[in-house]
């Protein structure tokens, strides 16, 4: 006898109809939740037949227990189950440095769960501008570009002056004192002199991926 998913216990009321409304499923934000709650919520979503399930901000304590649910792809902080069929659309994930990779990884798994192709380009921050120039051909065919940069957050501005694609900036909390844990990069992306950049909140790789999906869905 198959048990029905419990959608109103464990302090979580699952939004199982979200995909039908906005074409994006509810994500499981694990930070601040107990391991047992995270496992139960993901299990209930899978049992309910949610088309794709993403868990973000997984802590080290939660990781192994969620891995027992056999995700299709995983990183240290993000897992996804039941990816959608590929759409043929692609998103370039351009990270200024390797310290920005956790946020880029969150975006990558989210996008791939929604069926989009991704291409990661790493360590092309503006401190070595030649590295970015040399890498431009690696993502010239991408439909959308998401940048990940801390410090002063100059990468999306420089890139927006070089390529025609829409750019979503993810300011990251990477940097020294006057970076103010990402505030400087956030304000820099919002005040950019390059036209057409949009920005999400600090470290919000998941939100950037969802924004890219919305753009791609409207243009397809």
C-alpha atoms as a PDB file:
ATOM      1  CA  UNK A   1       0.000   0.000   0.000  1.00  0.00           C
ATOM      2  CA  UNK A   2       1.504   3.336  -1.089  1.00  0.00           C
ATOM      3  CA  UNK A   3       1.275   6.146   1.437  1.00  0.00           C
ATOM      4  CA  UNK A   4       0.127   9.559   0.332  1.00  0.00           C
ATOM      5  CA  UNK A   5       2.568  12.478   0.738  1.00  0.00           C
ATOM      6  CA  UNK A   6       1.912  14.479   3.848  1.00  0.00           C
ATOM      7  CA  UNK A   7       1.764  18.092   2.661  1.00  0.00           C
ATOM      8  CA  UNK A   8       0.834  19.848   5.918  1.00  0.00           C
ATOM      9  CA  UNK A   9       3.087  18.387   8.601  1.00  0.00           C
ATOM     10  CA  UNK A  10       6.599  19.035   9.826  1.00  0.00           C
ATOM     11  CA  UNK A  11       5.910  22.801   9.729  1.00  0.00           C
ATOM     12  CA  UNK A  12       5.900  22.700   5.883  1.00  0.00           C
ATOM     13  CA  UNK A  13       2.880  23.197   3.614  1.00  0.00           C
ATOM     14  CA  UNK A  14       4.042  22.018   0.216  1.00  0.00           C
ATOM     15  CA  UNK A  15       3.023  24.079  -2.804  1.00  0.00           C
ATOM     16  CA  UNK A  16       2.469  21.193  -5.181  1.00  0.00           C
ATOM     17  CA  UNK A  17       0.666  23.327  -7.782  1.00  0.00           C
ATOM     18  CA  UNK A  18       3.420  25.892  -8.249  1.00  0.00           C
ATOM     19  CA  UNK A  19       4.667  24.393 -11.504  1.00  0.00           C
ATOM     20  CA  UNK A  20       1.227  24.650 -13.081  1.00  0.00           C
ATOM     21  CA  UNK A  21       1.042  28.325 -12.081  1.00  0.00           C
ATOM     22  CA  UNK A  22       4.506  29.645 -12.883  1.00  0.00           C
ATOM     23  CA  UNK A  23       6.416  26.735 -14.494  1.00  0.00           C
ATOM     24  CA  UNK A  24       8.823  26.647 -11.542  1.00  0.00           C
ATOM     25  CA  UNK A  25       8.526  24.062  -8.773  1.00  0.00           C
ATOM     26  CA  UNK A  26       8.938  24.888  -5.124  1.00  0.00           C
ATOM     27  CA  UNK A  27      12.536  24.518  -3.960  1.00  0.00           C
ATOM     28  CA  UNK A  28      13.589  23.123  -0.598  1.00  0.00           C
ATOM     29  CA  UNK A  29      15.738  25.679   1.234  1.00  0.00           C
ATOM     30  CA  UNK A  30      17.607  23.504   3.704  1.00  0.00           C
ATOM     31  CA  UNK A  31      19.533  26.030   5.772  1.00  0.00           C
ATOM     32  CA  UNK A  32      17.862  26.401   9.150  1.00  0.00           C
ATOM     33  CA  UNK A  33      15.840  23.195   8.809  1.00  0.00           C
ATOM     34  CA  UNK A  34      16.515  19.957  10.621  1.00  0.00           C
ATOM     35  CA  UNK A  35      17.920  17.070   8.626  1.00  0.00           C
ATOM     36  CA  UNK A  36      14.797  14.995   9.262  1.00  0.00           C
ATOM     37  CA  UNK A  37      12.553  17.801   7.991  1.00  0.00           C
ATOM     38  CA  UNK A  38      14.626  18.209   4.826  1.00  0.00           C
ATOM     39  CA  UNK A  39      14.511  14.490   4.084  1.00  0.00           C
ATOM     40  CA  UNK A  40      10.791  14.324   4.798  1.00  0.00           C
ATOM     41  CA  UNK A  41       9.963  17.324   2.610  1.00  0.00           C
ATOM     42  CA  UNK A  42      11.989  16.078  -0.355  1.00  0.00           C
ATOM     43  CA  UNK A  43      10.501  12.594   0.070  1.00  0.00           C
ATOM     44  CA  UNK A  44       6.967  13.982   0.104  1.00  0.00           C
ATOM     45  CA  UNK A  45       7.607  16.079  -2.988  1.00  0.00           C
ATOM     46  CA  UNK A  46       8.946  13.052  -4.844  1.00  0.00           C
ATOM     47  CA  UNK A  47       6.000  10.948  -3.699  1.00  0.00           C
ATOM     48  CA  UNK A  48       3.609  13.652  -4.888  1.00  0.00           C
ATOM     49  CA  UNK A  49       5.070  13.480  -8.384  1.00  0.00           C
ATOM     50  CA  UNK A  50       6.557  16.978  -8.515  1.00  0.00           C
ATOM     51  CA  UNK A  51       8.233  17.113 -11.926  1.00  0.00           C
ATOM     52  CA  UNK A  52      11.614  18.293 -10.657  1.00  0.00           C
ATOM     53  CA  UNK A  53      12.848  18.780  -7.115  1.00  0.00           C
ATOM     54  CA  UNK A  54      15.722  21.023  -6.038  1.00  0.00           C
ATOM     55  CA  UNK A  55      17.208  21.309  -2.545  1.00  0.00           C
ATOM     56  CA  UNK A  56      19.473  24.284  -1.918  1.00  0.00           C
ATOM     57  CA  UNK A  57      21.805  25.463   0.855  1.00  0.00           C
ATOM     58  CA  UNK A  58      22.357  21.938   2.109  1.00  0.00           C
ATOM     59  CA  UNK A  59      24.579  21.841   5.173  1.00  0.00           C
ATOM     60  CA  UNK A  60      27.321  19.296   5.770  1.00  0.00           C
ATOM     61  CA  UNK A  61      25.187  17.626   8.438  1.00  0.00           C
ATOM     62  CA  UNK A  62      22.277  17.226   6.010  1.00  0.00           C
ATOM     63  CA  UNK A  63      24.237  16.157   2.950  1.00  0.00           C
ATOM     64  CA  UNK A  64      24.615  12.414   3.449  1.00  0.00           C
ATOM     65  CA  UNK A  65      21.007  11.900   4.528  1.00  0.00           C
ATOM     66  CA  UNK A  66      19.687  13.708   1.449  1.00  0.00           C
ATOM     67  CA  UNK A  67      22.155  11.819  -0.739  1.00  0.00           C
ATOM     68  CA  UNK A  68      20.438   8.600   0.407  1.00  0.00           C
ATOM     69  CA  UNK A  69      17.399   9.761  -1.614  1.00  0.00           C
ATOM     70  CA  UNK A  70      19.455   9.174  -4.788  1.00  0.00           C
ATOM     71  CA  UNK A  71      19.554  12.623  -6.421  1.00  0.00           C
ATOM     72  CA  UNK A  72      20.219  12.776 -10.148  1.00  0.00           C
ATOM     73  CA  UNK A  73      22.903  15.412  -9.584  1.00  0.00           C
ATOM     74  CA  UNK A  74      24.460  16.908  -6.484  1.00  0.00           C
ATOM     75  CA  UNK A  75      27.112  19.210  -5.131  1.00  0.00           C
ATOM     76  CA  UNK A  76      28.022  19.939  -1.532  1.00  0.00           C
ATOM     77  CA  UNK A  77      25.201  22.447  -1.140  1.00  0.00           C
ATOM     78  CA  UNK A  78      22.632  21.641  -3.861  1.00  0.00           C
ATOM     79  CA  UNK A  79      20.863  18.512  -5.083  1.00  0.00           C
ATOM     80  CA  UNK A  80      18.259  17.873  -7.733  1.00  0.00           C
ATOM     81  CA  UNK A  81      15.949  15.031  -8.649  1.00  0.00           C
ATOM     82  CA  UNK A  82      14.002  14.327 -11.869  1.00  0.00           C
ATOM     83  CA  UNK A  83      15.450  16.862 -14.297  1.00  0.00           C
ATOM     84  CA  UNK A  84      13.146  17.966 -17.081  1.00  0.00           C
ATOM     85  CA  UNK A  85      13.862  17.050 -20.719  1.00  0.00           C
ATOM     86  CA  UNK A  86      16.425  19.303 -22.332  1.00  0.00           C
ATOM     87  CA  UNK A  87      15.124  22.467 -23.935  1.00  0.00           C
ATOM     88  CA  UNK A  88      18.135  23.142 -26.147  1.00  0.00           C
ATOM     89  CA  UNK A  89      18.561  26.587 -24.573  1.00  0.00           C
ATOM     90  CA  UNK A  90      21.861  27.394 -22.873  1.00  0.00           C
ATOM     91  CA  UNK A  91      23.056  29.622 -20.066  1.00  0.00           C
ATOM     92  CA  UNK A  92      26.683  30.581 -19.475  1.00  0.00           C
ATOM     93  CA  UNK A  93      27.771  30.746 -15.842  1.00  0.00           C
ATOM     94  CA  UNK A  94      30.720  33.127 -15.672  1.00  0.00           C
ATOM     95  CA  UNK A  95      32.500  33.267 -12.310  1.00  0.00           C
ATOM     96  CA  UNK A  96      35.123  35.856 -11.463  1.00  0.00           C
ATOM     97  CA  UNK A  97      37.026  33.459  -9.199  1.00  0.00           C
ATOM     98  CA  UNK A  98      36.929  29.995  -7.720  1.00  0.00           C
ATOM     99  CA  UNK A  99      35.543  31.451  -4.476  1.00  0.00           C
ATOM    100  CA  UNK A 100      32.343  32.226  -6.403  1.00  0.00           C
ATOM    101  CA  UNK A 101      31.819  28.607  -7.466  1.00  0.00           C
ATOM    102  CA  UNK A 102      29.356  27.581  -4.711  1.00  0.00           C
ATOM    103  CA  UNK A 103      26.847  30.165  -5.974  1.00  0.00           C
ATOM    104  CA  UNK A 104      27.520  29.201  -9.585  1.00  0.00           C
ATOM    105  CA  UNK A 105      26.985  25.554  -8.687  1.00  0.00           C
ATOM    106  CA  UNK A 106      23.615  26.350  -7.148  1.00  0.00           C
ATOM    107  CA  UNK A 107      22.586  28.069 -10.367  1.00  0.00           C
ATOM    108  CA  UNK A 108      23.927  25.253 -12.543  1.00  0.00           C
ATOM    109  CA  UNK A 109      21.971  22.476 -10.859  1.00  0.00           C
ATOM    110  CA  UNK A 110      18.817  24.594 -10.798  1.00  0.00           C
ATOM    111  CA  UNK A 111      19.068  25.348 -14.517  1.00  0.00           C
ATOM    112  CA  UNK A 112      19.848  21.752 -15.431  1.00  0.00           C
ATOM    113  CA  UNK A 113      16.898  20.539 -13.355  1.00  0.00           C
ATOM    114  CA  UNK A 114      14.728  22.773 -15.562  1.00  0.00           C
ATOM    115  CA  UNK A 115      16.171  21.279 -18.737  1.00  0.00           C
ATOM    116  CA  UNK A 116      18.620  23.984 -19.770  1.00  0.00           C
ATOM    117  CA  UNK A 117      22.178  23.419 -20.885  1.00  0.00           C
ATOM    118  CA  UNK A 118      24.884  25.200 -18.935  1.00  0.00           C
ATOM    119  CA  UNK A 119      28.457  26.146 -19.602  1.00  0.00           C
ATOM    120  CA  UNK A 120      30.745  27.159 -16.753  1.00  0.00           C
ATOM    121  CA  UNK A 121      33.596  29.630 -17.244  1.00  0.00           C
ATOM    122  CA  UNK A 122      35.702  30.210 -14.150  1.00  0.00           C
ATOM    123  CA  UNK A 123      38.470  32.516 -12.946  1.00  0.00           C
ATOM    124  CA  UNK A 124      37.917  35.333 -15.431  1.00  0.00           C
ATOM    125  CA  UNK A 125      37.730  38.244 -12.995  1.00  0.00           C
ATOM    126  CA  UNK A 126      38.735  41.707 -14.136  1.00  0.00           C
ATOM    127  CA  UNK A 127      41.996  41.679 -12.147  1.00  0.00           C
ATOM    128  CA  UNK A 128      43.342  39.731 -15.130  1.00  0.00           C
ATOM    129  CA  UNK A 129      41.270  41.199 -17.939  1.00  0.00           C
ATOM    130  CA  UNK A 130      43.086  39.176 -20.596  1.00  0.00           C
ATOM    131  CA  UNK A 131      41.597  36.004 -19.110  1.00  0.00           C
ATOM    132  CA  UNK A 132      38.070  37.264 -19.738  1.00  0.00           C
ATOM    133  CA  UNK A 133      38.915  38.384 -23.268  1.00  0.00           C
ATOM    134  CA  UNK A 134      40.459  35.005 -24.031  1.00  0.00           C
ATOM    135  CA  UNK A 135      37.341  33.202 -22.758  1.00  0.00           C
ATOM    136  CA  UNK A 136      34.697  35.140 -24.728  1.00  0.00           C
ATOM    137  CA  UNK A 137      34.459  32.527 -27.459  1.00  0.00           C
ATOM    138  CA  UNK A 138      33.612  29.882 -24.858  1.00  0.00           C
ATOM    139  CA  UNK A 139      30.137  31.305 -24.325  1.00  0.00           C
ATOM    140  CA  UNK A 140      29.379  33.333 -27.430  1.00  0.00           C
ATOM    141  CA  UNK A 141      26.497  30.991 -28.337  1.00  0.00           C
ATOM    142  CA  UNK A 142      24.812  31.137 -24.908  1.00  0.00           C
ATOM    143  CA  UNK A 143      21.285  32.543 -24.758  1.00  0.00           C
ATOM    144  CA  UNK A 144      21.795  34.225 -21.372  1.00  0.00           C
ATOM    145  CA  UNK A 145      24.835  34.917 -19.196  1.00  0.00           C
ATOM    146  CA  UNK A 146      24.849  34.828 -15.401  1.00  0.00           C
ATOM    147  CA  UNK A 147      27.876  36.372 -13.712  1.00  0.00           C
ATOM    148  CA  UNK A 148      29.163  35.671 -10.214  1.00  0.00           C
ATOM    149  CA  UNK A 149      31.506  38.224  -8.684  1.00  0.00           C
ATOM    150  CA  UNK A 150      32.352  39.617  -5.279  1.00  0.00           C
ATOM    151  CA  UNK A 151      34.922  42.250  -4.332  1.00  0.00           C
ATOM    152  CA  UNK A 152      33.866  45.403  -6.250  1.00  0.00           C
ATOM    153  CA  UNK A 153      31.675  43.328  -8.589  1.00  0.00           C
ATOM    154  CA  UNK A 154      32.982  44.770 -11.872  1.00  0.00           C
ATOM    155  CA  UNK A 155      32.642  41.601 -13.964  1.00  0.00           C
ATOM    156  CA  UNK A 156      29.043  42.071 -15.203  1.00  0.00           C
ATOM    157  CA  UNK A 157      29.716  45.684 -16.204  1.00  0.00           C
ATOM    158  CA  UNK A 158      32.812  44.792 -18.199  1.00  0.00           C
ATOM    159  CA  UNK A 159      31.104  41.815 -19.808  1.00  0.00           C
ATOM    160  CA  UNK A 160      28.009  43.845 -20.739  1.00  0.00           C
ATOM    161  CA  UNK A 161      30.238  46.122 -22.791  1.00  0.00           C
ATOM    162  CA  UNK A 162      31.596  43.180 -24.778  1.00  0.00           C
ATOM    163  CA  UNK A 163      28.699  40.800 -25.525  1.00  0.00           C
ATOM    164  CA  UNK A 164      25.061  41.210 -26.651  1.00  0.00           C
ATOM    165  CA  UNK A 165      23.363  38.608 -24.436  1.00  0.00           C
ATOM    166  CA  UNK A 166      21.179  39.487 -21.443  1.00  0.00           C
ATOM    167  CA  UNK A 167      23.262  39.465 -18.272  1.00  0.00           C
ATOM    168  CA  UNK A 168      22.044  38.553 -14.813  1.00  0.00           C
ATOM    169  CA  UNK A 169      24.491  39.573 -12.100  1.00  0.00           C
ATOM    170  CA  UNK A 170      24.884  37.581  -8.906  1.00  0.00           C
ATOM    171  CA  UNK A 171      26.891  39.683  -6.432  1.00  0.00           C
ATOM    172  CA  UNK A 172      28.686  37.358  -4.038  1.00  0.00           C
ATOM    173  CA  UNK A 173      29.776  37.772  -0.444  1.00  0.00           C
ATOM    174  CA  UNK A 174      33.405  37.205  -1.433  1.00  0.00           C
ATOM    175  CA  UNK A 175      35.968  39.877  -0.675  1.00  0.00           C
ATOM    176  CA  UNK A 176      37.918  41.912   1.836  1.00  0.00           C
ATOM    177  CA  UNK A 177      36.611  44.396   4.404  1.00  0.00           C
ATOM    178  CA  UNK A 178      35.181  47.135   2.192  1.00  0.00           C
ATOM    179  CA  UNK A 179      33.365  44.542   0.122  1.00  0.00           C
ATOM    180  CA  UNK A 180      30.927  44.419   3.065  1.00  0.00           C
ATOM    181  CA  UNK A 181      29.984  40.779   2.433  1.00  0.00           C
ATOM    182  CA  UNK A 182      28.628  41.460  -1.036  1.00  0.00           C
ATOM    183  CA  UNK A 183      26.978  44.843  -0.540  1.00  0.00           C
ATOM    184  CA  UNK A 184      29.612  46.638  -2.604  1.00  0.00           C
ATOM    185  CA  UNK A 185      29.176  44.185  -5.498  1.00  0.00           C
ATOM    186  CA  UNK A 186      25.384  44.474  -5.252  1.00  0.00           C
ATOM    187  CA  UNK A 187      25.383  48.257  -5.343  1.00  0.00           C
ATOM    188  CA  UNK A 188      27.932  48.167  -8.170  1.00  0.00           C
ATOM    189  CA  UNK A 189      25.708  45.968 -10.323  1.00  0.00           C
ATOM    190  CA  UNK A 190      22.674  48.160  -9.628  1.00  0.00           C
ATOM    191  CA  UNK A 191      24.625  51.328 -10.438  1.00  0.00           C
ATOM    192  CA  UNK A 192      26.361  49.894 -13.515  1.00  0.00           C
ATOM    193  CA  UNK A 193      26.934  52.229 -16.450  1.00  0.00           C
ATOM    194  CA  UNK A 194      26.500  49.293 -18.866  1.00  0.00           C
ATOM    195  CA  UNK A 195      22.885  49.139 -20.083  1.00  0.00           C
ATOM    196  CA  UNK A 196      20.771  46.042 -19.694  1.00  0.00           C
ATOM    197  CA  UNK A 197      22.224  44.365 -16.606  1.00  0.00           C
ATOM    198  CA  UNK A 198      19.777  42.980 -14.075  1.00  0.00           C
ATOM    199  CA  UNK A 199      20.826  41.847 -10.609  1.00  0.00           C
ATOM    200  CA  UNK A 200      19.573  39.447  -7.979  1.00  0.00           C
ATOM    201  CA  UNK A 201      20.401  39.488  -4.306  1.00  0.00           C
ATOM    202  CA  UNK A 202      23.731  38.582  -2.755  1.00  0.00           C
ATOM    203  CA  UNK A 203      24.745  34.930  -3.300  1.00  0.00           C
ATOM    204  CA  UNK A 204      21.373  34.125  -4.890  1.00  0.00           C
ATOM    205  CA  UNK A 205      22.407  31.646  -7.566  1.00  0.00           C
ATOM    206  CA  UNK A 206      19.035  29.931  -7.309  1.00  0.00           C
ATOM    207  CA  UNK A 207      17.134  33.147  -7.946  1.00  0.00           C
ATOM    208  CA  UNK A 208      19.319  34.007 -10.924  1.00  0.00           C
ATOM    209  CA  UNK A 209      18.683  30.585 -12.457  1.00  0.00           C
ATOM    210  CA  UNK A 210      14.928  30.989 -12.019  1.00  0.00           C
ATOM    211  CA  UNK A 211      15.053  34.437 -13.625  1.00  0.00           C
ATOM    212  CA  UNK A 212      16.964  33.014 -16.585  1.00  0.00           C
ATOM    213  CA  UNK A 213      14.371  30.252 -16.925  1.00  0.00           C
ATOM    214  CA  UNK A 214      11.541  32.788 -17.017  1.00  0.00           C
ATOM    215  CA  UNK A 215      13.312  34.772 -19.754  1.00  0.00           C
ATOM    216  CA  UNK A 216      13.978  31.646 -21.792  1.00  0.00           C
ATOM    217  CA  UNK A 217      10.407  30.387 -21.396  1.00  0.00           C
ATOM    218  CA  UNK A 218       9.024  33.691 -22.699  1.00  0.00           C
ATOM    219  CA  UNK A 219      11.338  33.739 -25.686  1.00  0.00           C
ATOM    220  CA  UNK A 220      10.866  30.123 -26.770  1.00  0.00           C
END
